[in-house]
PDB file of all heavy atoms in Angstrom:
ATOM      1  N   ARG A   1       0.902  -1.166  -0.053  1.00  0.00           N
ATOM      2  CA  ARG A   1      -0.013  -0.007   0.033  1.00  0.00           C
ATOM      3  C   ARG A   1       0.908   1.222   0.017  1.00  0.00           C
ATOM      4  O   ARG A   1       1.975   1.357   0.578  1.00  0.00           O
ATOM      5  CB  ARG A   1      -0.951  -0.032   1.259  1.00  0.00           C
ATOM      6  CG  ARG A   1      -1.967  -1.047   1.251  1.00  0.00           C
ATOM      7  CD  ARG A   1      -3.013  -0.854   0.198  1.00  0.00           C
ATOM      8  NE  ARG A   1      -4.042  -1.918   0.203  1.00  0.00           N
ATOM      9  CZ  ARG A   1      -4.038  -3.068  -0.394  1.00  0.00           C
ATOM     10  NH1 ARG A   1      -2.951  -3.187  -1.246  1.00  0.00           N
ATOM     11  NH2 ARG A   1      -5.023  -3.900  -0.276  1.00  0.00           N
ATOM     12  N   LEU A   2       0.358   2.243  -0.707  1.00  0.00           N
ATOM     13  CA  LEU A   2       1.050   3.537  -0.735  1.00  0.00           C
ATOM     14  C   LEU A   2       0.257   4.602   0.024  1.00  0.00           C
ATOM     15  O   LEU A   2      -1.011   4.341   0.195  1.00  0.00           O
ATOM     16  CB  LEU A   2       1.224   4.063  -2.118  1.00  0.00           C
ATOM     17  CG  LEU A   2       2.143   3.345  -3.002  1.00  0.00           C
ATOM     18  CD1 LEU A   2       2.008   3.754  -4.488  1.00  0.00           C
ATOM     19  CD2 LEU A   2       3.576   3.447  -2.510  1.00  0.00           C
ATOM     20  N   PRO A   3       0.805   5.551   0.563  1.00  0.00           N
ATOM     21  CA  PRO A   3       0.047   6.575   1.365  1.00  0.00           C
ATOM     22  C   PRO A   3      -0.984   7.200   0.389  1.00  0.00           C
ATOM     23  O   PRO A   3      -0.966   7.192  -0.698  1.00  0.00           O
ATOM     24  CB  PRO A   3       1.208   7.759   1.580  1.00  0.00           C
ATOM     25  CG  PRO A   3       2.484   7.029   1.546  1.00  0.00           C
ATOM     26  CD  PRO A   3       2.324   5.898   0.476  1.00  0.00           C
ATOM     27  N   PRO A   4      -2.078   7.732   1.018  1.00  0.00           N
ATOM     28  CA  PRO A   4      -3.151   8.320   0.284  1.00  0.00           C
ATOM     29  C   PRO A   4      -2.710   9.387  -0.681  1.00  0.00           C
ATOM     30  O   PRO A   4      -1.734  10.183  -0.329  1.00  0.00           O
ATOM     31  CB  PRO A   4      -4.136   8.956   1.307  1.00  0.00           C
ATOM     32  CG  PRO A   4      -3.742   8.150   2.584  1.00  0.00           C
ATOM     33  CD  PRO A   4      -2.298   7.834   2.506  1.00  0.00           C
ATOM     34  N   VAL A   5      -3.227   9.459  -1.807  1.00  0.00           N
ATOM     35  CA  VAL A   5      -2.814  10.467  -2.859  1.00  0.00           C
ATOM     36  C   VAL A   5      -3.467  11.827  -2.514  1.00  0.00           C
ATOM     37  O   VAL A   5      -4.451  11.830  -1.746  1.00  0.00           O
ATOM     38  CB  VAL A   5      -3.253  10.046  -4.278  1.00  0.00           C
ATOM     39  CG1 VAL A   5      -2.468   8.705  -4.634  1.00  0.00           C
ATOM     40  CG2 VAL A   5      -4.779   9.853  -4.374  1.00  0.00           C
ATOM     41  N   ALA A   6      -2.898  12.892  -3.007  1.00  0.00           N
ATOM     42  CA  ALA A   6      -3.471  14.307  -2.785  1.00  0.00           C
ATOM     43  C   ALA A   6      -4.288  14.483  -3.939  1.00  0.00           C
ATOM     44  O   ALA A   6      -3.823  14.272  -5.149  1.00  0.00           O
ATOM     45  CB  ALA A   6      -2.302  15.250  -2.579  1.00  0.00           C
ATOM     46  N   PHE A   7      -5.272  15.172  -3.840  1.00  0.00           N
ATOM     47  CA  PHE A   7      -6.256  15.502  -4.856  1.00  0.00           C
ATOM     48  C   PHE A   7      -6.114  16.869  -5.161  1.00  0.00           C
ATOM     49  O   PHE A   7      -5.799  17.787  -4.372  1.00  0.00           O
ATOM     50  CB  PHE A   7      -7.782  15.325  -4.493  1.00  0.00           C
ATOM     51  CG  PHE A   7      -8.259  13.928  -4.322  1.00  0.00           C
ATOM     52  CD1 PHE A   7      -8.324  13.393  -3.023  1.00  0.00           C
ATOM     53  CD2 PHE A   7      -8.372  13.021  -5.289  1.00  0.00           C
ATOM     54  CE1 PHE A   7      -8.575  12.008  -2.795  1.00  0.00           C
ATOM     55  CE2 PHE A   7      -8.640  11.710  -5.184  1.00  0.00           C
ATOM     56  CZ  PHE A   7      -8.817  11.252  -3.844  1.00  0.00           C
ATOM     57  N   THR A   8      -6.320  17.301  -6.590  1.00  0.00           N
ATOM     58  CA  THR A   8      -6.288  18.694  -6.981  1.00  0.00           C
ATOM     59  C   THR A   8      -7.636  19.321  -6.575  1.00  0.00           C
ATOM     60  O   THR A   8      -8.717  18.626  -6.303  1.00  0.00           O
ATOM     61  CB  THR A   8      -6.006  18.827  -8.551  1.00  0.00           C
ATOM     62  OG1 THR A   8      -7.066  18.281  -9.121  1.00  0.00           O
ATOM     63  CG2 THR A   8      -4.788  18.078  -8.832  1.00  0.00           C
ATOM     64  N   LYS A   9      -7.668  20.575  -6.669  1.00  0.00           N
ATOM     65  CA  LYS A   9      -8.939  21.427  -6.471  1.00  0.00           C
ATOM     66  C   LYS A   9     -10.020  20.899  -7.405  1.00  0.00           C
ATOM     67  O   LYS A   9     -11.183  20.777  -6.988  1.00  0.00           O
ATOM     68  CB  LYS A   9      -8.628  22.917  -6.392  1.00  0.00           C
ATOM     69  CG  LYS A   9      -7.798  23.435  -5.326  1.00  0.00           C
ATOM     70  CD  LYS A   9      -7.739  24.875  -5.284  1.00  0.00           C
ATOM     71  CE  LYS A   9      -7.095  25.540  -6.538  1.00  0.00           C
ATOM     72  NZ  LYS A   9      -6.834  26.885  -6.457  1.00  0.00           N
ATOM     73  N   GLU A  10      -9.526  20.790  -8.710  1.00  0.00           N
ATOM     74  CA  GLU A  10     -10.471  20.299  -9.714  1.00  0.00           C
ATOM     75  C   GLU A  10     -11.043  18.864  -9.346  1.00  0.00           C
ATOM     76  O   GLU A  10     -12.301  18.630  -9.560  1.00  0.00           O
ATOM     77  CB  GLU A  10      -9.784  20.349 -11.073  1.00  0.00           C
ATOM     78  CG  GLU A  10      -9.360  21.765 -11.561  1.00  0.00           C
ATOM     79  CD  GLU A  10      -8.264  22.370 -10.879  1.00  0.00           C
ATOM     80  OE1 GLU A  10      -7.597  21.615 -10.358  1.00  0.00           O
ATOM     81  OE2 GLU A  10      -8.010  23.606 -11.037  1.00  0.00           O
ATOM     82  N   GLU A  11     -10.259  18.008  -8.961  1.00  0.00           N
ATOM     83  CA  GLU A  11     -10.679  16.646  -8.693  1.00  0.00           C
ATOM     84  C   GLU A  11     -11.661  16.697  -7.432  1.00  0.00           C
ATOM     85  O   GLU A  11     -12.747  15.989  -7.382  1.00  0.00           O
ATOM     86  CB  GLU A  11      -9.584  15.726  -8.376  1.00  0.00           C
ATOM     87  CG  GLU A  11      -8.761  15.457  -9.671  1.00  0.00           C
ATOM     88  CD  GLU A  11      -7.355  14.758  -9.244  1.00  0.00           C
ATOM     89  OE1 GLU A  11      -6.833  14.852  -8.110  1.00  0.00           O
ATOM     90  OE2 GLU A  11      -6.798  14.139 -10.133  1.00  0.00           O
ATOM     91  N   ALA A  12     -11.299  17.454  -6.471  1.00  0.00           N
ATOM     92  CA  ALA A  12     -12.179  17.617  -5.285  1.00  0.00           C
ATOM     93  C   ALA A  12     -13.487  18.152  -5.727  1.00  0.00           C
ATOM     94  O   ALA A  12     -14.543  17.711  -5.124  1.00  0.00           O
ATOM     95  CB  ALA A  12     -11.455  18.593  -4.185  1.00  0.00           C
ATOM     96  N   THR A  13     -13.408  19.174  -6.715  1.00  0.00           N
ATOM     97  CA  THR A  13     -14.829  19.781  -7.044  1.00  0.00           C
ATOM     98  C   THR A  13     -15.621  18.748  -7.842  1.00  0.00           C
ATOM     99  O   THR A  13     -16.840  18.694  -7.666  1.00  0.00           O
ATOM    100  CB  THR A  13     -14.588  20.934  -7.887  1.00  0.00           C
ATOM    101  OG1 THR A  13     -13.719  21.912  -7.120  1.00  0.00           O
ATOM    102  CG2 THR A  13     -15.892  21.632  -8.297  1.00  0.00           C
ATOM    103  N   ALA A  14     -14.921  17.895  -8.543  1.00  0.00           N
ATOM    104  CA  ALA A  14     -15.641  16.861  -9.273  1.00  0.00           C
ATOM    105  C   ALA A  14     -16.324  15.940  -8.359  1.00  0.00           C
ATOM    106  O   ALA A  14     -17.370  15.441  -8.694  1.00  0.00           O
ATOM    107  CB  ALA A  14     -14.643  16.163 -10.238  1.00  0.00           C
ATOM    108  N   PHE A  15     -15.589  15.574  -7.212  1.00  0.00           N
ATOM    109  CA  PHE A  15     -16.307  14.638  -6.307  1.00  0.00           C
ATOM    110  C   PHE A  15     -17.638  15.267  -5.782  1.00  0.00           C
ATOM    111  O   PHE A  15     -18.637  14.599  -5.662  1.00  0.00           O
ATOM    112  CB  PHE A  15     -15.335  14.409  -5.091  1.00  0.00           C
ATOM    113  CG  PHE A  15     -14.382  13.452  -5.374  1.00  0.00           C
ATOM    114  CD1 PHE A  15     -12.955  13.650  -5.151  1.00  0.00           C
ATOM    115  CD2 PHE A  15     -14.699  12.083  -5.678  1.00  0.00           C
ATOM    116  CE1 PHE A  15     -12.007  12.628  -5.528  1.00  0.00           C
ATOM    117  CE2 PHE A  15     -13.702  11.133  -6.075  1.00  0.00           C
ATOM    118  CZ  PHE A  15     -12.346  11.484  -5.897  1.00  0.00           C
ATOM    119  N   LEU A  16     -17.623  16.543  -5.486  1.00  0.00           N
ATOM    120  CA  LEU A  16     -18.774  17.209  -4.869  1.00  0.00           C
ATOM    121  C   LEU A  16     -19.912  17.310  -5.999  1.00  0.00           C
ATOM    122  O   LEU A  16     -20.892  17.096  -5.653  1.00  0.00           O
ATOM    123  CB  LEU A  16     -18.432  18.551  -4.406  1.00  0.00           C
ATOM    124  CG  LEU A  16     -19.515  19.491  -3.871  1.00  0.00           C
ATOM    125  CD1 LEU A  16     -20.050  18.775  -2.655  1.00  0.00           C
ATOM    126  CD2 LEU A  16     -18.986  20.851  -3.535  1.00  0.00           C
ATOM    127  N   THR A  17     -19.469  17.557  -7.260  1.00  0.00           N
ATOM    128  CA  THR A  17     -20.484  17.604  -8.421  1.00  0.00           C
ATOM    129  C   THR A  17     -21.161  16.299  -8.555  1.00  0.00           C
ATOM    130  O   THR A  17     -22.307  16.098  -8.648  1.00  0.00           O
ATOM    131  CB  THR A  17     -19.817  18.030  -9.693  1.00  0.00           C
ATOM    132  OG1 THR A  17     -19.097  19.352  -9.389  1.00  0.00           O
ATOM    133  CG2 THR A  17     -20.740  18.242 -10.705  1.00  0.00           C
ATOM    134  N   ALA A  18     -20.318  15.214  -8.513  1.00  0.00           N
ATOM    135  CA  ALA A  18     -20.945  13.877  -8.667  1.00  0.00           C
ATOM    136  C   ALA A  18     -21.863  13.549  -7.545  1.00  0.00           C
ATOM    137  O   ALA A  18     -22.865  12.822  -7.632  1.00  0.00           O
ATOM    138  CB  ALA A  18     -19.756  12.891  -8.573  1.00  0.00           C
ATOM    139  N   GLU A  19     -21.539  14.054  -6.158  1.00  0.00           N
ATOM    140  CA  GLU A  19     -22.408  13.750  -5.133  1.00  0.00           C
ATOM    141  C   GLU A  19     -23.810  14.335  -5.288  1.00  0.00           C
ATOM    142  O   GLU A  19     -24.812  13.766  -5.003  1.00  0.00           O
ATOM    143  CB  GLU A  19     -21.763  14.366  -3.853  1.00  0.00           C
ATOM    144  CG  GLU A  19     -22.576  14.018  -2.559  1.00  0.00           C
ATOM    145  CD  GLU A  19     -21.841  14.518  -1.364  1.00  0.00           C
ATOM    146  OE1 GLU A  19     -21.080  15.544  -1.413  1.00  0.00           O
ATOM    147  OE2 GLU A  19     -22.062  13.989  -0.322  1.00  0.00           O
ATOM    148  N   LYS A  20     -23.760  15.582  -5.976  1.00  0.00           N
ATOM    149  CA  LYS A  20     -25.106  16.335  -6.259  1.00  0.00           C
ATOM    150  C   LYS A  20     -25.884  15.490  -7.239  1.00  0.00           C
ATOM    151  O   LYS A  20     -27.120  15.322  -6.994  1.00  0.00           O
ATOM    152  CB  LYS A  20     -24.794  17.696  -6.798  1.00  0.00           C
ATOM    153  CG  LYS A  20     -24.047  18.537  -5.958  1.00  0.00           C
ATOM    154  CD  LYS A  20     -24.836  18.876  -4.642  1.00  0.00           C
ATOM    155  CE  LYS A  20     -24.017  19.905  -3.794  1.00  0.00           C
ATOM    156  NZ  LYS A  20     -24.727  20.203  -2.536  1.00  0.00           N
ATOM    157  N   PHE A  21     -25.287  14.911  -8.233  1.00  0.00           N
ATOM    158  CA  PHE A  21     -26.077  13.974  -9.146  1.00  0.00           C
ATOM    159  C   PHE A  21     -26.593  12.801  -8.531  1.00  0.00           C
ATOM    160  O   PHE A  21     -27.585  12.324  -8.780  1.00  0.00           O
ATOM    161  CB  PHE A  21     -25.209  13.674 -10.412  1.00  0.00           C
ATOM    162  CG  PHE A  21     -25.160  14.842 -11.338  1.00  0.00           C
ATOM    163  CD1 PHE A  21     -23.939  15.457 -11.495  1.00  0.00           C
ATOM    164  CD2 PHE A  21     -26.208  15.080 -12.218  1.00  0.00           C
ATOM    165  CE1 PHE A  21     -23.896  16.622 -12.349  1.00  0.00           C
ATOM    166  CE2 PHE A  21     -26.035  16.230 -13.091  1.00  0.00           C
ATOM    167  CZ  PHE A  21     -24.883  16.915 -13.195  1.00  0.00           C
ATOM    168  N   ILE A  22     -25.698  12.107  -7.679  1.00  0.00           N
ATOM    169  CA  ILE A  22     -26.052  10.813  -7.145  1.00  0.00           C
ATOM    170  C   ILE A  22     -27.197  10.981  -6.166  1.00  0.00           C
ATOM    171  O   ILE A  22     -28.139  10.146  -6.053  1.00  0.00           O
ATOM    172  CB  ILE A  22     -24.810  10.235  -6.262  1.00  0.00           C
ATOM    173  CG1 ILE A  22     -23.782   9.727  -7.462  1.00  0.00           C
ATOM    174  CG2 ILE A  22     -25.278   9.189  -5.405  1.00  0.00           C
ATOM    175  CD1 ILE A  22     -22.487   9.339  -6.778  1.00  0.00           C
ATOM    176  N   GLU A  23     -27.312  12.155  -5.534  1.00  0.00           N
ATOM    177  CA  GLU A  23     -28.407  12.384  -4.494  1.00  0.00           C
ATOM    178  C   GLU A  23     -29.746  12.504  -5.275  1.00  0.00           C
ATOM    179  O   GLU A  23     -30.750  12.157  -4.751  1.00  0.00           O
ATOM    180  CB  GLU A  23     -28.203  13.716  -3.789  1.00  0.00           C
ATOM    181  CG  GLU A  23     -27.027  13.716  -2.829  1.00  0.00           C
ATOM    182  CD  GLU A  23     -26.806  15.097  -2.123  1.00  0.00           C
ATOM    183  OE1 GLU A  23     -27.457  16.059  -2.646  1.00  0.00           O
ATOM    184  OE2 GLU A  23     -26.019  15.159  -1.264  1.00  0.00           O
ATOM    185  N   LYS A  24     -29.696  12.988  -6.570  1.00  0.00           N
ATOM    186  CA  LYS A  24     -30.985  13.187  -7.304  1.00  0.00           C
ATOM    187  C   LYS A  24     -31.319  11.922  -8.280  1.00  0.00           C
ATOM    188  O   LYS A  24     -32.418  11.545  -8.593  1.00  0.00           O
ATOM    189  CB  LYS A  24     -30.935  14.348  -8.162  1.00  0.00           C
ATOM    190  CG  LYS A  24     -30.759  15.586  -7.297  1.00  0.00           C
ATOM    191  CD  LYS A  24     -32.068  15.910  -6.537  1.00  0.00           C
ATOM    192  CE  LYS A  24     -31.795  17.190  -5.609  1.00  0.00           C
ATOM    193  NZ  LYS A  24     -33.094  17.398  -4.813  1.00  0.00           N
ATOM    194  N   LEU A  25     -30.189  11.128  -8.722  1.00  0.00           N
ATOM    195  CA  LEU A  25     -30.526  10.242  -9.799  1.00  0.00           C
ATOM    196  C   LEU A  25     -30.375   8.796  -9.358  1.00  0.00           C
ATOM    197  O   LEU A  25     -30.651   7.913 -10.172  1.00  0.00           O
ATOM    198  CB  LEU A  25     -29.550  10.505 -11.029  1.00  0.00           C
ATOM    199  CG  LEU A  25     -29.458  11.937 -11.415  1.00  0.00           C
ATOM    200  CD1 LEU A  25     -28.414  12.031 -12.634  1.00  0.00           C
ATOM    201  CD2 LEU A  25     -30.834  12.238 -12.085  1.00  0.00           C
ATOM    202  N   THR A  26     -30.150   8.532  -8.051  1.00  0.00           N
ATOM    203  CA  THR A  26     -30.055   7.049  -7.596  1.00  0.00           C
ATOM    204  C   THR A  26     -30.880   6.834  -6.353  1.00  0.00           C
ATOM    205  O   THR A  26     -31.724   7.660  -5.997  1.00  0.00           O
ATOM    206  CB  THR A  26     -28.637   6.716  -7.209  1.00  0.00           C
ATOM    207  OG1 THR A  26     -28.113   7.620  -6.325  1.00  0.00           O
ATOM    208  CG2 THR A  26     -27.706   6.941  -8.517  1.00  0.00           C
ATOM    209  N   ASP A  27     -30.844   5.668  -6.009  1.00  0.00           N
ATOM    210  CA  ASP A  27     -31.727   5.251  -4.769  1.00  0.00           C
ATOM    211  C   ASP A  27     -31.034   5.442  -3.493  1.00  0.00           C
ATOM    212  O   ASP A  27     -29.848   5.987  -3.399  1.00  0.00           O
ATOM    213  CB  ASP A  27     -32.017   3.761  -4.918  1.00  0.00           C
ATOM    214  CG  ASP A  27     -30.921   2.716  -4.798  1.00  0.00           C
ATOM    215  OD1 ASP A  27     -29.699   3.395  -4.742  1.00  0.00           O
ATOM    216  OD2 ASP A  27     -31.053   1.607  -4.913  1.00  0.00           O
ATOM    217  N   ALA A  28     -31.819   5.308  -2.319  1.00  0.00           N
ATOM    218  CA  ALA A  28     -31.339   5.597  -1.020  1.00  0.00           C
ATOM    219  C   ALA A  28     -30.095   4.979  -0.552  1.00  0.00           C
ATOM    220  O   ALA A  28     -29.285   5.589  -0.048  1.00  0.00           O
ATOM    221  CB  ALA A  28     -32.464   5.346   0.064  1.00  0.00           C
ATOM    222  N   SER A  29     -29.908   3.604  -0.990  1.00  0.00           N
ATOM    223  CA  SER A  29     -28.751   2.866  -0.603  1.00  0.00           C
ATOM    224  C   SER A  29     -27.459   3.401  -1.251  1.00  0.00           C
ATOM    225  O   SER A  29     -26.427   3.506  -0.627  1.00  0.00           O
ATOM    226  CB  SER A  29     -28.901   1.330  -0.926  1.00  0.00           C
ATOM    227  OG  SER A  29     -29.907   0.833  -0.078  1.00  0.00           O
ATOM    228  N   THR A  30     -27.555   3.763  -2.553  1.00  0.00           N
ATOM    229  CA  THR A  30     -26.457   4.211  -3.233  1.00  0.00           C
ATOM    230  C   THR A  30     -26.064   5.642  -2.764  1.00  0.00           C
ATOM    231  O   THR A  30     -24.890   5.934  -2.549  1.00  0.00           O
ATOM    232  CB  THR A  30     -26.781   4.403  -4.736  1.00  0.00           C
ATOM    233  OG1 THR A  30     -27.122   3.128  -5.222  1.00  0.00           O
ATOM    234  CG2 THR A  30     -25.556   4.903  -5.525  1.00  0.00           C
ATOM    235  N   VAL A  31     -27.077   6.449  -2.415  1.00  0.00           N
ATOM    236  CA  VAL A  31     -26.722   7.838  -1.823  1.00  0.00           C
ATOM    237  C   VAL A  31     -26.009   7.582  -0.417  1.00  0.00           C
ATOM    238  O   VAL A  31     -25.029   8.358  -0.236  1.00  0.00           O
ATOM    239  CB  VAL A  31     -27.994   8.453  -1.594  1.00  0.00           C
ATOM    240  CG1 VAL A  31     -27.738   9.780  -0.790  1.00  0.00           C
ATOM    241  CG2 VAL A  31     -28.632   8.883  -3.052  1.00  0.00           C
TER     242      VAL A  31
END
């Protein structure tokens, strides 16, 4: 195992954007 990687600001923002879509487009367990 390697130490956790560091994310760029753009990658971090992409995670947040994906979270918004998942909240609206999937079911409760996936959310």
